[in-house]
Amino acid sequence: MSFTTLLTLPPPLPLIQMGNLLPITYGGHILALLFVPSSTSQQNKLPHSILGHYLAPTNPRTELQIHRETIRNSRNFETEIVTFRQNETKTAVFIIDRQMKAKSELEYGIAPTQKYTLPDKIKPDEEIYEKSPVYPMFLKVFGSMFRFFHTRTPPESYYATNMFGLLKEEPTHQDHLTTTQKRAAIYYKCKEKLTERYMHHAAVAYILDSALAFMPATFQHQFMDDYSILSTLDVSLHYHTDDFDMNEWVLHECYTERAADGRTYSTGRIFQGEVLIATMIQSCVIRGKQQSKL
């Protein structure tokens, strides 16, 4: 299966399951489907904002229905409400806003929070991970990223020595930092050449959704099996520019800012070079094994 195969309606079954030990569809797959052209969306307008809530787990093996309603369609902006259902259950709802390409009256942006080794100086993750005895487990949990993207983890990243946190006993060079000071970073590049503009937006969303729900646990040298639930409640995704190319390397840098009251609040950003492309913020639910499920 290729990445563009995912971007069809209705989506082929099974839906992608990744980043969760439970039988739940990967949120990045759900987000990517928002960009598939439809009869109601105006493709001459470019997405800049997605706000949404995951309402119930999406079963990877159950047909997914998508309902779109345009609530604004002006000369410069278009706004849609997109609802996902399985049978009679609403599983997610999003508001996606698009804008006509506009002149940049101001332009500025932050850079990554630290300098990272460039991808051409780093070995591919697959080449490193396949030597590990836990590689089969890694592929089970994170395999779809390797299926669709080249990945390289810079040595400055928290995940440089612990395979996305799967090797939870492995020491890291960030262990002396507080949880909010730690940084996870990975380079991505699509394996398949993307030809349509909406595919590039979908690829950004697919990548940005990764790690934010379970990353706070890995920063404590824990993993998914230490909790009963690590799942996203809501998501805010903003594209800051349309000038990017997912056929080239991008850097995904993420960190967490707060945890309290059974929730975590974390941020992921995509950079191409030093240019900030997109930002995603997620509020996620975290439940210990002794707690009842949602």
C-alpha atoms as a PDB file:
ATOM      1  CA  MET A   1       0.000   0.000   0.000  1.00  0.00           C
ATOM      2  CA  SER A   2       1.279   3.481  -0.885  1.00  0.00           C
ATOM      3  CA  PHE A   3       0.568   6.745   0.924  1.00  0.00           C
ATOM      4  CA  THR A   4      -1.653   7.975  -1.894  1.00  0.00           C
ATOM      5  CA  THR A   5      -3.697   4.769  -1.610  1.00  0.00           C
ATOM      6  CA  LEU A   6      -4.778   6.016   1.820  1.00  0.00           C
ATOM      7  CA  LEU A   7      -6.157   9.182   0.265  1.00  0.00           C
ATOM      8  CA  THR A   8      -9.234   7.665  -1.316  1.00  0.00           C
ATOM      9  CA  LEU A   9     -12.900   7.862  -0.376  1.00  0.00           C
ATOM     10  CA  PRO A  10     -14.235   5.695   1.059  1.00  0.00           C
ATOM     11  CA  PRO A  11     -10.879   4.757   2.598  1.00  0.00           C
ATOM     12  CA  PRO A  12      -9.736   1.160   2.079  1.00  0.00           C
ATOM     13  CA  LEU A  13      -9.959  -1.235   5.019  1.00  0.00           C
ATOM     14  CA  PRO A  14      -8.260  -1.900   7.283  1.00  0.00           C
ATOM     15  CA  LEU A  15      -7.564   1.685   8.293  1.00  0.00           C
ATOM     16  CA  ILE A  16      -4.037   2.398   9.540  1.00  0.00           C
ATOM     17  CA  GLN A  17      -3.395   1.414  13.133  1.00  0.00           C
ATOM     18  CA  MET A  18      -0.276   2.994  14.606  1.00  0.00           C
ATOM     19  CA  GLY A  19       1.081   4.474  17.820  1.00  0.00           C
ATOM     20  CA  ASN A  20      -1.371   2.603  20.033  1.00  0.00           C
ATOM     21  CA  LEU A  21      -1.461  -0.882  21.519  1.00  0.00           C
ATOM     22  CA  LEU A  22      -5.272  -0.858  21.329  1.00  0.00           C
ATOM     23  CA  PRO A  23      -7.231  -1.588  18.089  1.00  0.00           C
ATOM     24  CA  ILE A  24      -7.725   2.105  17.286  1.00  0.00           C
ATOM     25  CA  THR A  25      -7.195   3.835  13.929  1.00  0.00           C
ATOM     26  CA  TYR A  26      -4.215   6.182  13.808  1.00  0.00           C
ATOM     27  CA  GLY A  27      -5.407   9.774  14.128  1.00  0.00           C
ATOM     28  CA  GLY A  28      -3.027  10.871  11.374  1.00  0.00           C
ATOM     29  CA  HIS A  29      -4.930   8.698   8.894  1.00  0.00           C
ATOM     30  CA  ILE A  30      -8.196  10.376   9.899  1.00  0.00           C
ATOM     31  CA  LEU A  31      -6.615  13.824   9.515  1.00  0.00           C
ATOM     32  CA  ALA A  32      -5.124  12.964   6.125  1.00  0.00           C
ATOM     33  CA  LEU A  33      -8.583  12.095   4.782  1.00  0.00           C
ATOM     34  CA  LEU A  34      -9.677  15.702   5.372  1.00  0.00           C
ATOM     35  CA  PHE A  35      -7.588  16.755   2.371  1.00  0.00           C
ATOM     36  CA  VAL A  36      -9.016  14.331  -0.172  1.00  0.00           C
ATOM     37  CA  PRO A  37     -10.762  16.416  -2.870  1.00  0.00           C
ATOM     38  CA  SER A  38     -14.549  16.247  -2.755  1.00  0.00           C
ATOM     39  CA  SER A  39     -17.405  17.689  -4.747  1.00  0.00           C
ATOM     40  CA  THR A  40     -17.992  20.316  -2.035  1.00  0.00           C
ATOM     41  CA  SER A  41     -14.447  21.522  -1.313  1.00  0.00           C
ATOM     42  CA  GLN A  42     -12.798  24.290  -3.342  1.00  0.00           C
ATOM     43  CA  GLN A  43      -9.317  23.133  -4.266  1.00  0.00           C
ATOM     44  CA  ASN A  44      -8.214  26.610  -5.360  1.00  0.00           C
ATOM     45  CA  LYS A  45      -8.263  27.564  -1.677  1.00  0.00           C
ATOM     46  CA  LEU A  46      -5.476  26.278   0.561  1.00  0.00           C
ATOM     47  CA  PRO A  47      -5.970  24.793   4.051  1.00  0.00           C
ATOM     48  CA  HIS A  48      -4.580  26.888   6.887  1.00  0.00           C
ATOM     49  CA  SER A  49      -6.486  25.724   9.989  1.00  0.00           C
ATOM     50  CA  ILE A  50      -7.995  22.482  11.306  1.00  0.00           C
ATOM     51  CA  LEU A  51      -9.683  22.257  14.696  1.00  0.00           C
ATOM     52  CA  GLY A  52     -11.209  18.998  15.843  1.00  0.00           C
ATOM     53  CA  HIS A  53     -12.235  16.523  18.502  1.00  0.00           C
ATOM     54  CA  TYR A  54     -11.939  12.757  18.577  1.00  0.00           C
ATOM     55  CA  LEU A  55     -15.264  11.611  20.029  1.00  0.00           C
ATOM     56  CA  ALA A  56     -14.852   7.830  20.106  1.00  0.00           C
ATOM     57  CA  PRO A  57     -12.284   5.238  19.033  1.00  0.00           C
ATOM     58  CA  THR A  58     -12.295   4.544  15.282  1.00  0.00           C
ATOM     59  CA  ASN A  59     -12.222   0.812  14.574  1.00  0.00           C
ATOM     60  CA  PRO A  60      -9.647   0.021  11.850  1.00  0.00           C
ATOM     61  CA  ARG A  61     -11.852  -2.750  10.385  1.00  0.00           C
ATOM     62  CA  THR A  62     -15.200  -0.972  10.282  1.00  0.00           C
ATOM     63  CA  GLU A  63     -16.388   1.121   7.344  1.00  0.00           C
ATOM     64  CA  LEU A  64     -15.825   4.828   7.868  1.00  0.00           C
ATOM     65  CA  GLN A  65     -18.407   7.317   6.597  1.00  0.00           C
ATOM     66  CA  ILE A  66     -17.532  10.972   6.040  1.00  0.00           C
ATOM     67  CA  HIS A  67     -20.053  13.818   5.957  1.00  0.00           C
ATOM     68  CA  ARG A  68     -19.051  17.316   4.814  1.00  0.00           C
ATOM     69  CA  GLU A  69     -21.001  20.525   5.283  1.00  0.00           C
ATOM     70  CA  THR A  70     -19.797  23.864   3.909  1.00  0.00           C
ATOM     71  CA  ILE A  71     -20.712  26.655   6.317  1.00  0.00           C
ATOM     72  CA  ARG A  72     -18.798  29.468   4.588  1.00  0.00           C
ATOM     73  CA  ASN A  73     -17.739  29.958   0.986  1.00  0.00           C
ATOM     74  CA  SER A  74     -16.668  33.521   0.299  1.00  0.00           C
ATOM     75  CA  ARG A  75     -14.265  34.965  -2.218  1.00  0.00           C
ATOM     76  CA  ASN A  76     -11.256  34.402   0.050  1.00  0.00           C
ATOM     77  CA  PHE A  77     -12.309  31.762   2.578  1.00  0.00           C
ATOM     78  CA  GLU A  78     -14.075  28.432   2.746  1.00  0.00           C
ATOM     79  CA  THR A  79     -15.042  26.631   5.959  1.00  0.00           C
ATOM     80  CA  GLU A  80     -16.254  23.043   6.267  1.00  0.00           C
ATOM     81  CA  ILE A  81     -17.482  20.883   9.112  1.00  0.00           C
ATOM     82  CA  VAL A  82     -16.385  17.291   8.527  1.00  0.00           C
ATOM     83  CA  THR A  83     -17.911  14.493  10.599  1.00  0.00           C
ATOM     84  CA  PHE A  84     -16.651  10.903  10.692  1.00  0.00           C
ATOM     85  CA  ARG A  85     -19.017   8.046  11.588  1.00  0.00           C
ATOM     86  CA  GLN A  86     -18.903   4.303  12.011  1.00  0.00           C
ATOM     87  CA  ASN A  87     -22.409   2.846  11.934  1.00  0.00           C
ATOM     88  CA  GLU A  88     -24.406   5.235  14.152  1.00  0.00           C
ATOM     89  CA  THR A  89     -21.444   6.473  16.196  1.00  0.00           C
ATOM     90  CA  LYS A  90     -19.755   9.803  15.519  1.00  0.00           C
ATOM     91  CA  THR A  91     -16.045   9.154  15.978  1.00  0.00           C
ATOM     92  CA  ALA A  92     -14.574  12.579  15.132  1.00  0.00           C
ATOM     93  CA  VAL A  93     -15.582  16.070  14.028  1.00  0.00           C
ATOM     94  CA  PHE A  94     -13.372  18.759  12.487  1.00  0.00           C
ATOM     95  CA  ILE A  95     -13.645  22.321  11.241  1.00  0.00           C
ATOM     96  CA  ILE A  96     -11.294  22.942   8.324  1.00  0.00           C
ATOM     97  CA  ASP A  97     -10.694  26.452   7.008  1.00  0.00           C
ATOM     98  CA  ARG A  98      -9.190  27.280   3.610  1.00  0.00           C
ATOM     99  CA  GLN A  99      -7.963  30.562   2.184  1.00  0.00           C
ATOM    100  CA  MET A 100      -7.065  31.891  -1.235  1.00  0.00           C
ATOM    101  CA  LYS A 101      -3.331  32.448  -1.639  1.00  0.00           C
ATOM    102  CA  ALA A 102      -2.582  35.897  -0.210  1.00  0.00           C
ATOM    103  CA  LYS A 103       0.300  38.373  -0.308  1.00  0.00           C
ATOM    104  CA  SER A 104       2.587  38.259   2.756  1.00  0.00           C
ATOM    105  CA  GLU A 105       2.397  41.726   4.297  1.00  0.00           C
ATOM    106  CA  LEU A 106       4.570  40.468   7.180  1.00  0.00           C
ATOM    107  CA  GLU A 107       6.785  37.412   7.304  1.00  0.00           C
ATOM    108  CA  TYR A 108       8.730  36.000  10.249  1.00  0.00           C
ATOM    109  CA  GLY A 109       8.988  32.694  12.075  1.00  0.00           C
ATOM    110  CA  ILE A 110      10.745  30.746  14.790  1.00  0.00           C
ATOM    111  CA  ALA A 111      13.420  28.153  14.043  1.00  0.00           C
ATOM    112  CA  PRO A 112      13.798  24.725  15.693  1.00  0.00           C
ATOM    113  CA  THR A 113      14.625  25.072  19.380  1.00  0.00           C
ATOM    114  CA  GLN A 114      18.126  23.682  18.833  1.00  0.00           C
ATOM    115  CA  LYS A 115      20.537  22.737  16.071  1.00  0.00           C
ATOM    116  CA  TYR A 116      20.070  19.199  14.735  1.00  0.00           C
ATOM    117  CA  THR A 117      22.469  17.131  12.656  1.00  0.00           C
ATOM    118  CA  LEU A 118      21.374  17.274   9.007  1.00  0.00           C
ATOM    119  CA  PRO A 119      19.667  14.160   7.568  1.00  0.00           C
ATOM    120  CA  ASP A 120      22.350  13.439   4.978  1.00  0.00           C
ATOM    121  CA  LYS A 121      24.766  12.839   7.865  1.00  0.00           C
ATOM    122  CA  ILE A 122      22.468  10.360   9.685  1.00  0.00           C
ATOM    123  CA  LYS A 123      21.904   6.669   9.005  1.00  0.00           C
ATOM    124  CA  PRO A 124      18.343   5.604   8.099  1.00  0.00           C
ATOM    125  CA  ASP A 125      16.328   4.481  11.115  1.00  0.00           C
ATOM    126  CA  GLU A 126      15.468   1.162   9.473  1.00  0.00           C
ATOM    127  CA  GLU A 127      19.151   0.352   9.075  1.00  0.00           C
ATOM    128  CA  ILE A 128      19.715   0.976  12.792  1.00  0.00           C
ATOM    129  CA  TYR A 129      16.511  -0.505  14.235  1.00  0.00           C
ATOM    130  CA  GLU A 130      16.491  -3.784  12.294  1.00  0.00           C
ATOM    131  CA  LYS A 131      19.426  -4.979  14.430  1.00  0.00           C
ATOM    132  CA  SER A 132      17.412  -4.643  17.645  1.00  0.00           C
ATOM    133  CA  PRO A 133      15.667  -7.674  19.214  1.00  0.00           C
ATOM    134  CA  VAL A 134      12.530  -5.523  19.694  1.00  0.00           C
ATOM    135  CA  TYR A 135      12.383  -4.562  16.001  1.00  0.00           C
ATOM    136  CA  PRO A 136       9.307  -6.800  15.327  1.00  0.00           C
ATOM    137  CA  MET A 137       7.437  -5.008  18.131  1.00  0.00           C
ATOM    138  CA  PHE A 138       8.553  -1.653  16.755  1.00  0.00           C
ATOM    139  CA  LEU A 139       7.163  -2.516  13.319  1.00  0.00           C
ATOM    140  CA  LYS A 140       3.880  -3.619  14.889  1.00  0.00           C
ATOM    141  CA  VAL A 141       3.399  -0.267  16.645  1.00  0.00           C
ATOM    142  CA  PHE A 142       5.086   2.186  14.235  1.00  0.00           C
ATOM    143  CA  GLY A 143       5.463   0.256  10.985  1.00  0.00           C
ATOM    144  CA  SER A 144       3.307   2.464   8.787  1.00  0.00           C
ATOM    145  CA  MET A 145       5.766   5.348   9.124  1.00  0.00           C
ATOM    146  CA  PHE A 146       8.493   3.172   7.594  1.00  0.00           C
ATOM    147  CA  ARG A 147       6.025   2.025   4.939  1.00  0.00           C
ATOM    148  CA  PHE A 148       5.331   5.571   3.707  1.00  0.00           C
ATOM    149  CA  PHE A 149       8.315   7.681   4.789  1.00  0.00           C
ATOM    150  CA  HIS A 150      12.077   7.638   5.001  1.00  0.00           C
ATOM    151  CA  THR A 151      12.976   8.496   8.614  1.00  0.00           C
ATOM    152  CA  ARG A 152      16.203   9.559  10.251  1.00  0.00           C
ATOM    153  CA  THR A 153      16.545  10.434  13.922  1.00  0.00           C
ATOM    154  CA  PRO A 154      19.199  13.052  14.758  1.00  0.00           C
ATOM    155  CA  PRO A 155      21.517  12.228  17.680  1.00  0.00           C
ATOM    156  CA  GLU A 156      20.253  15.324  19.518  1.00  0.00           C
ATOM    157  CA  SER A 157      16.723  13.854  19.731  1.00  0.00           C
ATOM    158  CA  TYR A 158      15.359  12.158  22.850  1.00  0.00           C
ATOM    159  CA  TYR A 159      14.501   9.184  20.605  1.00  0.00           C
ATOM    160  CA  ALA A 160      18.046   8.829  19.255  1.00  0.00           C
ATOM    161  CA  THR A 161      18.843   5.743  21.359  1.00  0.00           C
ATOM    162  CA  ASN A 162      15.472   4.358  22.477  1.00  0.00           C
ATOM    163  CA  MET A 163      13.422   3.637  19.314  1.00  0.00           C
ATOM    164  CA  PHE A 164      10.524   6.059  19.906  1.00  0.00           C
ATOM    165  CA  GLY A 165      10.702   5.227  23.611  1.00  0.00           C
ATOM    166  CA  LEU A 166      10.178   1.491  23.099  1.00  0.00           C
ATOM    167  CA  LEU A 167      13.523   0.820  24.827  1.00  0.00           C
ATOM    168  CA  LYS A 168      12.277   2.529  27.957  1.00  0.00           C
ATOM    169  CA  GLU A 169      15.184   1.440  30.165  1.00  0.00           C
ATOM    170  CA  GLU A 170      17.741   2.908  27.774  1.00  0.00           C
ATOM    171  CA  PRO A 171      19.479   6.033  29.181  1.00  0.00           C
ATOM    172  CA  THR A 172      19.296   9.207  27.065  1.00  0.00           C
ATOM    173  CA  HIS A 173      21.442  12.310  26.904  1.00  0.00           C
ATOM    174  CA  GLN A 174      18.389  14.346  28.009  1.00  0.00           C
ATOM    175  CA  ASP A 175      17.781  12.548  31.317  1.00  0.00           C
ATOM    176  CA  HIS A 176      19.142  15.509  33.281  1.00  0.00           C
ATOM    177  CA  LEU A 177      16.474  17.822  31.796  1.00  0.00           C
ATOM    178  CA  THR A 178      12.975  18.456  33.103  1.00  0.00           C
ATOM    179  CA  THR A 179      10.071  16.956  31.165  1.00  0.00           C
ATOM    180  CA  THR A 180       9.205  20.279  29.506  1.00  0.00           C
ATOM    181  CA  GLN A 181      12.824  20.841  28.440  1.00  0.00           C
ATOM    182  CA  LYS A 182      13.108  17.558  26.537  1.00  0.00           C
ATOM    183  CA  ARG A 183      12.865  17.493  22.749  1.00  0.00           C
ATOM    184  CA  ALA A 184      12.019  14.677  20.348  1.00  0.00           C
ATOM    185  CA  ALA A 185      12.898  15.212  16.692  1.00  0.00           C
ATOM    186  CA  ILE A 186      12.815  13.061  13.552  1.00  0.00           C
ATOM    187  CA  TYR A 187      13.405  13.801   9.866  1.00  0.00           C
ATOM    188  CA  TYR A 188      10.830  12.555   7.336  1.00  0.00           C
ATOM    189  CA  LYS A 189      10.677  12.352   3.543  1.00  0.00           C
ATOM    190  CA  CYS A 190       7.973  10.632   1.492  1.00  0.00           C
ATOM    191  CA  LYS A 191       9.065   7.409  -0.165  1.00  0.00           C
ATOM    192  CA  GLU A 192       6.503   7.856  -2.911  1.00  0.00           C
ATOM    193  CA  LYS A 193       6.724  10.985  -5.077  1.00  0.00           C
ATOM    194  CA  LEU A 194       3.695  13.129  -4.285  1.00  0.00           C
ATOM    195  CA  THR A 195       2.270  14.891  -7.327  1.00  0.00           C
ATOM    196  CA  GLU A 196      -0.885  16.654  -6.105  1.00  0.00           C
ATOM    197  CA  ARG A 197      -0.820  19.591  -3.681  1.00  0.00           C
ATOM    198  CA  TYR A 198      -3.404  18.092  -1.313  1.00  0.00           C
ATOM    199  CA  MET A 199      -1.132  15.060  -0.837  1.00  0.00           C
ATOM    200  CA  HIS A 200       1.583  17.282   0.634  1.00  0.00           C
ATOM    201  CA  HIS A 201      -0.866  18.781   3.136  1.00  0.00           C
ATOM    202  CA  ALA A 202      -2.083  15.295   4.039  1.00  0.00           C
ATOM    203  CA  ALA A 203       1.473  14.065   4.603  1.00  0.00           C
ATOM    204  CA  VAL A 204       2.181  16.927   7.016  1.00  0.00           C
ATOM    205  CA  ALA A 205      -0.947  16.104   9.039  1.00  0.00           C
ATOM    206  CA  TYR A 206      -0.110  12.391   9.025  1.00  0.00           C
ATOM    207  CA  ILE A 207       3.345  13.035  10.484  1.00  0.00           C
ATOM    208  CA  LEU A 208       2.332  15.715  12.977  1.00  0.00           C
ATOM    209  CA  ASP A 209      -0.188  13.441  14.683  1.00  0.00           C
ATOM    210  CA  SER A 210       2.527  10.966  15.615  1.00  0.00           C
ATOM    211  CA  ALA A 211       3.959  10.779  19.142  1.00  0.00           C
ATOM    212  CA  LEU A 212       2.062  13.602  20.861  1.00  0.00           C
ATOM    213  CA  ALA A 213      -0.250  11.291  22.834  1.00  0.00           C
ATOM    214  CA  PHE A 214       2.433   8.932  24.155  1.00  0.00           C
ATOM    215  CA  MET A 215       5.516  11.189  24.071  1.00  0.00           C
ATOM    216  CA  PRO A 216       4.999  12.534  27.641  1.00  0.00           C
ATOM    217  CA  ALA A 217       5.097   8.941  28.928  1.00  0.00           C
ATOM    218  CA  THR A 218       8.297   8.155  27.025  1.00  0.00           C
ATOM    219  CA  PHE A 219       9.908  11.250  28.554  1.00  0.00           C
ATOM    220  CA  GLN A 220       9.438   9.453  31.911  1.00  0.00           C
ATOM    221  CA  HIS A 221      11.099   6.264  30.575  1.00  0.00           C
ATOM    222  CA  GLN A 222       7.658   4.670  30.263  1.00  0.00           C
ATOM    223  CA  PHE A 223       5.766   3.306  27.266  1.00  0.00           C
ATOM    224  CA  MET A 224       2.207   2.564  26.149  1.00  0.00           C
ATOM    225  CA  ASP A 225       2.049  -0.658  28.143  1.00  0.00           C
ATOM    226  CA  ASP A 226       2.417   1.332  31.377  1.00  0.00           C
ATOM    227  CA  TYR A 227      -1.007   2.949  30.835  1.00  0.00           C
ATOM    228  CA  SER A 228      -4.512   1.841  29.980  1.00  0.00           C
ATOM    229  CA  ILE A 229      -5.179   4.868  27.744  1.00  0.00           C
ATOM    230  CA  LEU A 230      -2.959   7.367  25.905  1.00  0.00           C
ATOM    231  CA  SER A 231      -5.266   8.987  23.354  1.00  0.00           C
ATOM    232  CA  THR A 232      -5.875  12.355  21.728  1.00  0.00           C
ATOM    233  CA  LEU A 233      -8.914  14.349  22.820  1.00  0.00           C
ATOM    234  CA  ASP A 234      -8.621  17.374  20.537  1.00  0.00           C
ATOM    235  CA  VAL A 235      -6.300  18.744  17.906  1.00  0.00           C
ATOM    236  CA  SER A 236      -5.358  22.140  16.522  1.00  0.00           C
ATOM    237  CA  LEU A 237      -3.377  22.152  13.266  1.00  0.00           C
ATOM    238  CA  HIS A 238      -2.181  25.298  11.497  1.00  0.00           C
ATOM    239  CA  TYR A 239      -0.327  25.577   8.196  1.00  0.00           C
ATOM    240  CA  HIS A 240       1.819  28.717   8.207  1.00  0.00           C
ATOM    241  CA  THR A 241       2.748  28.562   4.531  1.00  0.00           C
ATOM    242  CA  ASP A 242       2.040  26.551   1.414  1.00  0.00           C
ATOM    243  CA  ASP A 243       5.660  26.765   0.311  1.00  0.00           C
ATOM    244  CA  PHE A 244       6.941  23.297   1.221  1.00  0.00           C
ATOM    245  CA  ASP A 245       7.704  19.990  -0.467  1.00  0.00           C
ATOM    246  CA  MET A 246       7.169  16.642   1.273  1.00  0.00           C
ATOM    247  CA  ASN A 247       9.284  14.966  -1.404  1.00  0.00           C
ATOM    248  CA  GLU A 248      12.223  16.567   0.440  1.00  0.00           C
ATOM    249  CA  TRP A 249      13.337  16.243   4.059  1.00  0.00           C
ATOM    250  CA  VAL A 250      11.344  17.929   6.811  1.00  0.00           C
ATOM    251  CA  LEU A 251      12.055  17.988  10.543  1.00  0.00           C
ATOM    252  CA  HIS A 252       9.346  17.064  13.060  1.00  0.00           C
ATOM    253  CA  GLU A 253      10.223  18.539  16.473  1.00  0.00           C
ATOM    254  CA  CYS A 254       7.925  17.999  19.437  1.00  0.00           C
ATOM    255  CA  TYR A 255       7.749  18.667  23.150  1.00  0.00           C
ATOM    256  CA  THR A 256       5.226  18.701  25.979  1.00  0.00           C
ATOM    257  CA  GLU A 257       4.214  21.730  28.034  1.00  0.00           C
ATOM    258  CA  ARG A 258       1.782  20.586  30.749  1.00  0.00           C
ATOM    259  CA  ALA A 259       0.237  17.559  32.406  1.00  0.00           C
ATOM    260  CA  ALA A 260      -2.528  17.699  35.012  1.00  0.00           C
ATOM    261  CA  ASP A 261      -6.042  16.393  35.722  1.00  0.00           C
ATOM    262  CA  GLY A 262      -5.561  13.284  33.594  1.00  0.00           C
ATOM    263  CA  ARG A 263      -4.533  15.220  30.464  1.00  0.00           C
ATOM    264  CA  THR A 264      -1.327  16.193  28.681  1.00  0.00           C
ATOM    265  CA  TYR A 265      -0.785  19.211  26.423  1.00  0.00           C
ATOM    266  CA  SER A 266       1.894  18.860  23.740  1.00  0.00           C
ATOM    267  CA  THR A 267       3.121  20.568  20.577  1.00  0.00           C
ATOM    268  CA  GLY A 268       4.645  19.318  17.333  1.00  0.00           C
ATOM    269  CA  ARG A 269       6.134  21.433  14.566  1.00  0.00           C
ATOM    270  CA  ILE A 270       7.264  20.731  11.012  1.00  0.00           C
ATOM    271  CA  PHE A 271      10.242  22.637   9.607  1.00  0.00           C
ATOM    272  CA  GLN A 272      11.809  22.546   6.165  1.00  0.00           C
ATOM    273  CA  GLY A 273      15.304  23.827   6.701  1.00  0.00           C
ATOM    274  CA  GLU A 274      14.851  26.646   9.209  1.00  0.00           C
ATOM    275  CA  VAL A 275      11.354  27.532   7.958  1.00  0.00           C
ATOM    276  CA  LEU A 276       8.337  26.711  10.120  1.00  0.00           C
ATOM    277  CA  ILE A 277       5.737  24.966   7.946  1.00  0.00           C
ATOM    278  CA  ALA A 278       3.020  23.808  10.342  1.00  0.00           C
ATOM    279  CA  THR A 279       2.178  23.465  14.038  1.00  0.00           C
ATOM    280  CA  MET A 280      -0.046  20.952  15.822  1.00  0.00           C
ATOM    281  CA  ILE A 281      -1.188  21.143  19.441  1.00  0.00           C
ATOM    282  CA  GLN A 282      -2.977  18.252  21.126  1.00  0.00           C
ATOM    283  CA  SER A 283      -4.707  17.747  24.433  1.00  0.00           C
ATOM    284  CA  CYS A 284      -4.551  14.050  25.265  1.00  0.00           C
ATOM    285  CA  VAL A 285      -6.078  11.811  27.920  1.00  0.00           C
ATOM    286  CA  ILE A 286      -3.764   9.700  30.060  1.00  0.00           C
ATOM    287  CA  ARG A 287      -5.088   6.910  32.292  1.00  0.00           C
ATOM    288  CA  GLY A 288      -3.135   4.570  34.542  1.00  0.00           C
ATOM    289  CA  LYS A 289      -3.716   0.832  34.401  1.00  0.00           C
ATOM    290  CA  GLN A 290      -5.653   0.921  37.646  1.00  0.00           C
ATOM    291  CA  GLN A 291      -8.179   3.425  36.249  1.00  0.00           C
ATOM    292  CA  SER A 292     -11.351   2.506  34.351  1.00  0.00           C
ATOM    293  CA  LYS A 293     -11.468   3.125  30.634  1.00  0.00           C
ATOM    294  CA  LEU A 294     -13.380   6.016  29.089  1.00  0.00           C
END
